């Protein structure tokens, strides 16, 4: 065997031995940097988890962002979260969560807040005020004869002004969950924050007084028809509501009902004279008289003899939610909160109070697209 043949044989042998190793390197090359060191990729997280983590580490750091960044590195080693904390800016409601984190919870609020689920339109507010023109009267047409002047008509316009209001939710969280770095603990904190914002937002959208710092709710909006029933609900009452809005030429882009759980039970159990259920089959499909419904226990039941309550119906495409798209959070281990009229100390219960502040406003662009039934008997 010549020297050249020996070299060729050795080369073939080495290549055969190294082939599996080289294939493995190629397979996992995306995990290695240029120096052969393993790369760490930011983990894909459920929406809203980083918002919860932001709140948790701020709580542990007692609202000191520099300290919070160090805690975040130890607890999560999440470059995206650490970078966001480094850019945190103070606000009158705490520290502003990065807009990307805040926007992640909008779909989650959509899933919890009935006013959003039923079809209200969310419009982003770049500032604290937004003006939305609305048509209050339509142009008119008429038939005319020869040599007759055409009557001039033009549409009339009004204005819906949305001014961002500050909604502050206080969320008591066990300190065991605050210190826990697991995703399950993060989910718990995130869900509590979202639920608190969703419930109060629903109440304000329906019942807000529009005075002081409170949005104007649908029931208190001028030109929304308030129809007092003074009786138990029946199919005729429900059909008359739908017919009234049809007669008013409402577009019915996103029509729907909102009522509470007691009213759901009353309608679900309505029967014909022969004992057949009127609406049960379609209510099992999430509709009433062909239109979707949502149940909100933010709609109260009165303490009177008839246990009266309200029912809302309308085209929710005409109900606007102006959203500022930024959330501010801060935390305290010493604060107290009120439950059932009693003052509760977070310190004595080993809790942290997380305060989340969202800015938004509500308004009906076409108030005549809604009817509120009041004094509906449930007893």
Protein backbone atom coordinates (compact mmCIF):
# COMPACT_ATOMS: atom_id res chain seq x y z
CA UNK A 1 0.00 0.00 0.00
CA UNK A 2 1.41 3.32 -1.01
CA UNK A 3 1.53 6.35 1.32
CA UNK A 4 -1.21 8.09 -0.67
CA UNK A 5 -3.49 5.05 -0.43
CA UNK A 6 -2.89 4.84 3.33
CA UNK A 7 -3.81 8.55 3.75
CA UNK A 8 -6.98 8.08 1.71
CA UNK A 9 -8.00 5.05 3.81
CA UNK A 10 -7.42 6.94 7.07
CA UNK A 11 -9.48 9.90 5.81
CA UNK A 12 -12.40 7.66 4.88
CA UNK A 13 -12.26 5.93 8.27
CA UNK A 14 -12.22 9.23 10.21
CA UNK A 15 -15.10 10.65 8.15
CA UNK A 16 -17.17 7.51 8.77
CA UNK A 17 -16.55 7.72 12.51
CA UNK A 18 -17.31 11.46 12.70
CA UNK A 19 -20.44 11.41 10.53
CA UNK A 20 -22.92 10.77 13.41
CA UNK A 21 -21.27 13.48 15.51
CA UNK A 22 -21.41 16.03 12.68
CA UNK A 23 -25.05 15.16 12.02
CA UNK A 24 -25.89 15.75 15.70
CA UNK A 25 -24.09 19.11 15.61
CA UNK A 26 -26.09 20.17 12.56
CA UNK A 27 -29.34 19.04 14.18
CA UNK A 28 -28.81 21.15 17.31
CA UNK A 29 -26.82 24.01 15.78
CA UNK A 30 -29.74 26.44 16.41
CA UNK A 31 -29.17 25.98 20.16
CA UNK A 32 -25.50 26.96 20.05
CA UNK A 33 -23.76 30.30 19.60
CA UNK A 34 -20.52 30.81 17.70
CA UNK A 35 -18.44 29.61 20.66
CA UNK A 36 -20.31 26.35 21.06
CA UNK A 37 -22.20 27.69 24.09
CA UNK A 38 -25.89 26.90 24.50
CA UNK A 39 -28.19 29.78 23.60
CA UNK A 40 -31.18 30.73 25.76
CA UNK A 41 -34.27 31.66 23.80
CA UNK A 42 -37.05 33.74 25.41
CA UNK A 43 -39.89 31.38 26.25
CA UNK A 44 -43.25 31.72 24.56
CA UNK A 45 -45.67 32.55 27.37
CA UNK A 46 -49.44 32.69 27.64
CA UNK A 47 -50.85 36.20 27.10
CA UNK A 48 -50.81 38.30 30.26
CA UNK A 49 -48.24 36.19 32.13
CA UNK A 50 -45.54 38.86 31.85
CA UNK A 51 -47.95 41.45 33.20
CA UNK A 52 -48.47 39.24 36.26
CA UNK A 53 -44.71 38.75 36.62
CA UNK A 54 -44.16 42.50 36.34
CA UNK A 55 -46.64 43.04 39.18
CA UNK A 56 -45.13 40.26 41.32
CA UNK A 57 -41.52 41.39 41.13
CA UNK A 58 -42.57 45.00 41.73
CA UNK A 59 -44.36 43.79 44.85
CA UNK A 60 -41.29 41.88 46.06
CA UNK A 61 -39.10 44.92 45.33
CA UNK A 62 -41.55 47.30 47.08
CA UNK A 63 -41.93 49.26 43.82
CA UNK A 64 -38.18 49.76 43.29
CA UNK A 65 -37.65 49.01 39.59
CA UNK A 66 -33.89 48.44 39.84
CA UNK A 67 -34.37 45.92 42.60
CA UNK A 68 -37.31 44.41 40.69
CA UNK A 69 -35.07 43.80 37.67
CA UNK A 70 -32.60 41.88 39.85
CA UNK A 71 -35.40 39.82 41.40
CA UNK A 72 -36.80 39.08 37.93
CA UNK A 73 -33.42 37.80 36.78
CA UNK A 74 -33.26 35.44 39.76
CA UNK A 75 -36.90 34.28 39.61
CA UNK A 76 -37.46 34.05 35.86
CA UNK A 77 -34.29 34.88 33.90
CA UNK A 78 -36.61 36.37 31.26
CA UNK A 79 -34.71 38.92 29.11
CA UNK A 80 -37.95 40.50 27.85
CA UNK A 81 -39.24 41.11 31.38
CA UNK A 82 -35.87 42.34 32.66
CA UNK A 83 -35.55 44.79 29.76
CA UNK A 84 -39.10 46.07 30.38
CA UNK A 85 -38.34 46.67 34.05
CA UNK A 86 -35.22 48.59 33.11
CA UNK A 87 -37.39 50.91 31.02
CA UNK A 88 -40.19 51.24 33.63
CA UNK A 89 -41.58 54.74 34.06
CA UNK A 90 -43.45 56.03 37.12
CA UNK A 91 -47.06 57.14 36.77
CA UNK A 92 -49.67 58.59 39.11
CA UNK A 93 -51.03 55.06 39.53
CA UNK A 94 -47.74 53.23 39.97
CA UNK A 95 -45.36 52.05 37.26
CA UNK A 96 -46.58 51.78 33.68
CA UNK A 97 -46.50 48.23 32.37
CA UNK A 98 -45.03 48.12 28.82
CA UNK A 99 -47.72 48.59 26.20
CA UNK A 100 -47.06 45.15 24.71
CA UNK A 101 -47.78 43.50 28.07
CA UNK A 102 -50.92 45.60 28.54
CA UNK A 103 -52.31 44.84 25.09
CA UNK A 104 -52.01 41.12 25.78
CA UNK A 105 -54.79 41.32 28.36
CA UNK A 106 -57.31 43.00 26.03
CA UNK A 107 -58.37 39.61 24.50
CA UNK A 108 -58.51 38.19 28.04
CA UNK A 109 -60.79 41.02 29.13
CA UNK A 110 -62.82 40.30 26.00
CA UNK A 111 -63.38 36.76 27.28
CA UNK A 112 -64.44 37.90 30.78
CA UNK A 113 -66.26 41.22 30.44
CA UNK A 114 -69.78 40.68 29.09
CA UNK A 115 -69.94 44.19 27.68
CA UNK A 116 -67.04 43.24 25.42
CA UNK A 117 -68.24 39.71 24.65
CA UNK A 118 -71.65 40.92 23.50
CA UNK A 119 -70.04 43.06 20.80
CA UNK A 120 -69.15 46.54 22.10
CA UNK A 121 -66.50 48.17 19.91
CA UNK A 122 -63.06 48.79 21.40
CA UNK A 123 -61.33 51.87 20.00
CA UNK A 124 -57.78 52.79 21.06
CA UNK A 125 -57.28 56.22 22.64
CA UNK A 126 -53.87 57.72 21.93
CA UNK A 127 -54.61 60.51 24.43
CA UNK A 128 -57.07 61.11 27.22
CA UNK A 129 -59.87 62.48 25.01
CA UNK A 130 -61.47 61.17 21.82
CA UNK A 131 -64.28 62.80 19.83
CA UNK A 132 -66.43 60.57 17.63
CA UNK A 133 -68.93 62.18 15.23
CA UNK A 134 -72.34 60.58 15.03
CA UNK A 135 -75.25 61.10 12.65
CA UNK A 136 -78.39 62.24 14.47
CA UNK A 137 -80.68 62.75 11.47
CA UNK A 138 -80.59 61.34 7.96
CA UNK A 139 -80.88 63.06 4.60
CA UNK A 140 -84.36 62.98 3.05
CA UNK A 141 -85.58 62.20 -0.47
CA UNK A 142 -88.93 63.05 -2.09
CA UNK A 143 -90.77 62.61 -5.38
CA UNK A 144 -91.30 65.79 -7.36
CA UNK A 145 -93.18 66.87 -10.41
CA UNK A 146 -91.97 68.67 -13.53
CA UNK A 147 -90.54 72.17 -12.91
CA UNK A 148 -90.69 71.60 -9.16
CA UNK A 149 -87.81 72.52 -6.91
CA UNK A 150 -86.06 69.66 -5.09
CA UNK A 151 -86.42 70.06 -1.37
CA UNK A 152 -83.00 70.50 0.24
CA UNK A 153 -82.15 68.25 3.16
CA UNK A 154 -78.96 67.26 4.83
CA UNK A 155 -77.95 64.91 7.62
CA UNK A 156 -77.44 66.29 11.12
CA UNK A 157 -74.45 65.31 13.21
CA UNK A 158 -73.64 65.20 16.89
CA UNK A 159 -70.56 64.20 18.83
CA UNK A 160 -69.67 61.45 21.29
CA UNK A 161 -66.84 62.57 23.55
CA UNK A 162 -64.88 59.90 25.39
CA UNK A 163 -62.62 61.05 28.24
CA UNK A 164 -60.37 58.40 29.75
CA UNK A 165 -61.41 57.56 33.32
CA UNK A 166 -59.14 55.82 35.79
CA UNK A 167 -60.32 52.38 36.94
CA UNK A 168 -58.33 51.13 39.93
CA UNK A 169 -58.65 47.47 40.91
CA UNK A 170 -57.31 46.27 44.27
CA UNK A 171 -56.31 42.62 44.14
CA UNK A 172 -55.25 40.87 47.39
CA UNK A 173 -52.74 38.09 46.63
CA UNK A 174 -51.24 35.56 49.04
CA UNK A 175 -47.54 36.24 49.60
CA UNK A 176 -46.92 32.54 48.98
CA UNK A 177 -48.08 33.09 45.39
CA UNK A 178 -46.07 36.31 45.07
CA UNK A 179 -42.88 34.45 46.01
CA UNK A 180 -43.69 31.43 43.82
CA UNK A 181 -42.00 31.57 40.39
CA UNK A 182 -44.19 28.86 38.83
CA UNK A 183 -46.35 29.57 35.79
CA UNK A 184 -49.38 28.38 37.77
CA UNK A 185 -48.81 31.11 40.37
CA UNK A 186 -48.39 33.69 37.58
CA UNK A 187 -51.67 32.55 36.01
CA UNK A 188 -53.47 32.97 39.33
CA UNK A 189 -52.22 36.56 39.74
CA UNK A 190 -53.01 37.42 36.10
CA UNK A 191 -56.55 36.00 36.31
CA UNK A 192 -57.33 37.84 39.55
CA UNK A 193 -56.24 41.16 38.03
CA UNK A 194 -58.27 40.61 34.86
CA UNK A 195 -61.39 39.51 36.74
CA UNK A 196 -61.32 42.59 38.99
CA UNK A 197 -60.99 44.93 35.99
CA UNK A 198 -63.65 43.10 33.97
CA UNK A 199 -66.32 43.06 36.68
CA UNK A 200 -66.01 46.72 37.62
CA UNK A 201 -65.82 47.72 33.96
CA UNK A 202 -69.08 45.87 33.25
CA UNK A 203 -70.84 47.64 36.10
CA UNK A 204 -69.66 51.08 34.96
CA UNK A 205 -70.66 50.42 31.33
CA UNK A 206 -74.21 49.59 32.43
CA UNK A 207 -74.74 51.79 35.52
CA UNK A 208 -72.05 54.47 35.66
CA UNK A 209 -73.39 57.88 36.67
CA UNK A 210 -71.10 59.96 34.45
CA UNK A 211 -70.34 62.24 37.39
CA UNK A 212 -66.92 62.92 38.86
CA UNK A 213 -64.44 60.31 37.68
CA UNK A 214 -67.05 57.69 36.71
CA UNK A 215 -68.02 56.79 33.13
CA UNK A 216 -71.59 57.26 31.94
CA UNK A 217 -73.38 53.91 31.88
CA UNK A 218 -76.02 52.88 29.40
CA UNK A 219 -78.95 53.09 31.84
CA UNK A 220 -78.13 56.74 32.60
CA UNK A 221 -77.48 57.79 28.99
CA UNK A 222 -79.94 60.39 27.59
CA UNK A 223 -82.12 59.10 24.70
CA UNK A 224 -81.73 55.45 25.71
CA UNK A 225 -85.29 54.18 26.15
CA UNK A 226 -85.99 53.11 29.74
CA UNK A 227 -89.12 50.96 29.74
CA UNK A 228 -90.68 50.13 33.10
CA UNK A 229 -92.33 46.69 33.01
CA UNK A 230 -93.85 46.30 36.48
CA UNK A 231 -94.51 42.59 35.90
CA UNK A 232 -92.82 39.27 35.31
CA UNK A 233 -91.10 38.78 31.96
CA UNK A 234 -92.89 36.96 29.14
CA UNK A 235 -92.43 36.36 25.43
CA UNK A 236 -94.61 39.32 24.44
CA UNK A 237 -92.46 41.77 26.42
CA UNK A 238 -89.26 40.41 24.92
CA UNK A 239 -90.62 40.50 21.37
CA UNK A 240 -91.85 44.08 21.77
CA UNK A 241 -88.30 45.20 22.65
CA UNK A 242 -86.89 43.68 19.46
CA UNK A 243 -89.74 45.06 17.37
CA UNK A 244 -89.26 48.58 18.71
CA UNK A 245 -85.63 48.68 17.59
CA UNK A 246 -86.55 47.18 14.22
CA UNK A 247 -89.07 49.98 13.75
CA UNK A 248 -86.34 52.52 14.60
CA UNK A 249 -84.20 51.22 11.69
CA UNK A 250 -81.40 50.10 13.99
CA UNK A 251 -78.72 48.35 11.90
CA UNK A 252 -78.60 45.19 14.10
CA UNK A 253 -74.89 44.67 13.39
CA UNK A 254 -74.19 43.15 16.83
CA UNK A 255 -77.56 42.83 18.58
CA UNK A 256 -77.79 41.08 21.93
CA UNK A 257 -79.23 40.80 25.42
CA UNK A 258 -77.60 41.23 28.82
CA UNK A 259 -79.34 40.08 32.01
CA UNK A 260 -78.39 38.47 35.30
CA UNK A 261 -78.50 34.83 36.41
CA UNK A 262 -81.90 35.13 38.11
CA UNK A 263 -83.44 36.56 34.94
CA UNK A 264 -81.76 33.83 32.88
CA UNK A 265 -83.53 31.26 35.06
CA UNK A 266 -86.90 33.02 34.68
CA UNK A 267 -86.67 33.17 30.88
CA UNK A 268 -85.24 29.65 30.61
CA UNK A 269 -88.23 28.25 32.51
CA UNK A 270 -90.99 30.13 30.65
CA UNK A 271 -93.63 27.68 29.37
CA UNK A 272 -96.59 27.68 27.03
CA UNK A 273 -100.10 26.96 28.28
CA UNK A 274 -99.52 23.32 27.38
CA UNK A 275 -96.32 23.08 29.43
CA UNK A 276 -93.75 23.34 26.64
CA UNK A 277 -90.67 25.50 27.23
CA UNK A 278 -90.69 28.64 25.14
CA UNK A 279 -86.99 29.46 24.84
CA UNK A 280 -85.07 26.61 26.44
CA UNK A 281 -83.86 24.99 23.23
CA UNK A 282 -82.39 28.15 21.72
CA UNK A 283 -81.04 29.39 25.07
CA UNK A 284 -79.01 26.18 25.20
CA UNK A 285 -77.41 27.51 22.01
CA UNK A 286 -76.68 30.90 23.62
CA UNK A 287 -79.49 32.84 21.95
CA UNK A 288 -82.84 34.41 22.84
CA UNK A 289 -85.33 35.25 20.06
CA UNK A 290 -82.48 34.56 17.67
CA UNK A 291 -80.04 37.03 19.26
CA UNK A 292 -77.06 36.19 21.51
CA UNK A 293 -77.19 36.89 25.23
CA UNK A 294 -74.67 37.32 28.03
CA UNK A 295 -75.24 36.85 31.77
CA UNK A 296 -73.82 39.45 34.15
CA UNK A 297 -74.35 39.41 37.88
CA UNK A 298 -73.24 43.05 37.92
CA UNK A 299 -76.93 43.67 37.19
CA UNK A 300 -78.46 43.85 40.68
CA UNK A 301 -81.68 42.41 42.06
CA UNK A 302 -83.56 44.87 44.28
CA UNK A 303 -84.56 44.08 47.85
CA UNK A 304 -88.21 44.99 47.21
CA UNK A 305 -91.10 42.50 47.44
CA UNK A 306 -90.92 41.68 43.71
CA UNK A 307 -87.11 41.37 43.56
CA UNK A 308 -87.03 43.63 40.52
CA UNK A 309 -84.14 43.79 38.09
CA UNK A 310 -83.13 45.09 34.63
CA UNK A 311 -82.76 43.62 31.14
CA UNK A 312 -80.61 45.30 28.45
CA UNK A 313 -81.05 44.88 24.69
CA UNK A 314 -79.50 46.73 21.79
CA UNK A 315 -77.08 46.86 18.91
CA UNK A 316 -73.76 46.75 20.77
CA UNK A 317 -71.85 47.83 17.67
CA UNK A 318 -73.10 51.28 18.68
CA UNK A 319 -71.53 51.07 22.16
CA UNK A 320 -67.96 52.34 22.28
CA UNK A 321 -65.15 51.43 24.67
CA UNK A 322 -62.32 53.96 24.42
CA UNK A 323 -59.20 52.14 25.64
CA UNK A 324 -56.00 53.94 26.66
CA UNK A 325 -54.07 50.64 26.23
CA UNK A 326 -51.72 51.21 29.16
CA UNK A 327 -51.91 49.67 32.63
CA UNK A 328 -50.08 50.89 35.72
CA UNK A 329 -49.35 48.62 38.68
CA UNK A 330 -47.99 49.04 42.16
CA UNK A 331 -48.12 46.95 45.32
CA UNK A 332 -48.20 47.16 49.09
CA UNK A 333 -47.86 44.66 51.92
CA UNK A 334 -49.12 47.18 54.50
CA UNK A 335 -52.31 48.41 52.82
CA UNK A 336 -55.82 47.49 53.89
CA UNK A 337 -58.98 46.86 51.88
CA UNK A 338 -62.70 46.62 52.57
CA UNK A 339 -64.70 43.38 52.36
CA UNK A 340 -68.40 43.45 53.23
CA UNK A 341 -67.98 46.75 55.07
CA UNK A 342 -65.10 45.40 57.17
CA UNK A 343 -61.52 46.69 56.95
CA UNK A 344 -59.04 43.88 56.26
CA UNK A 345 -55.30 44.23 56.87
CA UNK A 346 -53.06 42.72 54.20
CA UNK A 347 -50.15 42.67 56.64
CA UNK A 348 -51.94 40.51 59.22
CA UNK A 349 -53.04 38.01 56.54
CA UNK A 350 -49.59 37.80 54.89
CA UNK A 351 -50.96 39.24 51.66
CA UNK A 352 -49.84 41.77 49.10
CA UNK A 353 -52.32 44.23 47.61
CA UNK A 354 -51.66 44.71 43.90
CA UNK A 355 -53.30 47.80 42.45
CA UNK A 356 -53.89 47.76 38.70
CA UNK A 357 -55.02 50.98 37.01
CA UNK A 358 -56.58 51.01 33.57
CA UNK A 359 -57.86 54.09 31.70
CA UNK A 360 -60.96 53.89 29.53
CA UNK A 361 -64.39 55.40 28.89
CA UNK A 362 -67.72 54.16 27.56
CA UNK A 363 -70.39 55.75 25.42
CA UNK A 364 -73.39 54.95 23.20
CA UNK A 365 -72.78 56.44 19.76
CA UNK A 366 -76.46 55.89 18.89
CA UNK A 367 -78.44 55.83 22.17
CA UNK A 368 -81.66 54.96 20.33
CA UNK A 369 -80.14 51.60 19.45
CA UNK A 370 -80.74 50.43 23.06
CA UNK A 371 -83.67 49.66 25.36
CA UNK A 372 -83.41 48.96 29.09
CA UNK A 373 -86.29 47.10 30.73
CA UNK A 374 -86.61 48.07 34.38
CA UNK A 375 -88.81 46.90 37.26
CA UNK A 376 -88.91 43.35 35.89
CA UNK A 377 -90.24 40.99 38.55
CA UNK A 378 -88.19 37.94 39.49
CA UNK A 379 -90.10 36.91 42.66
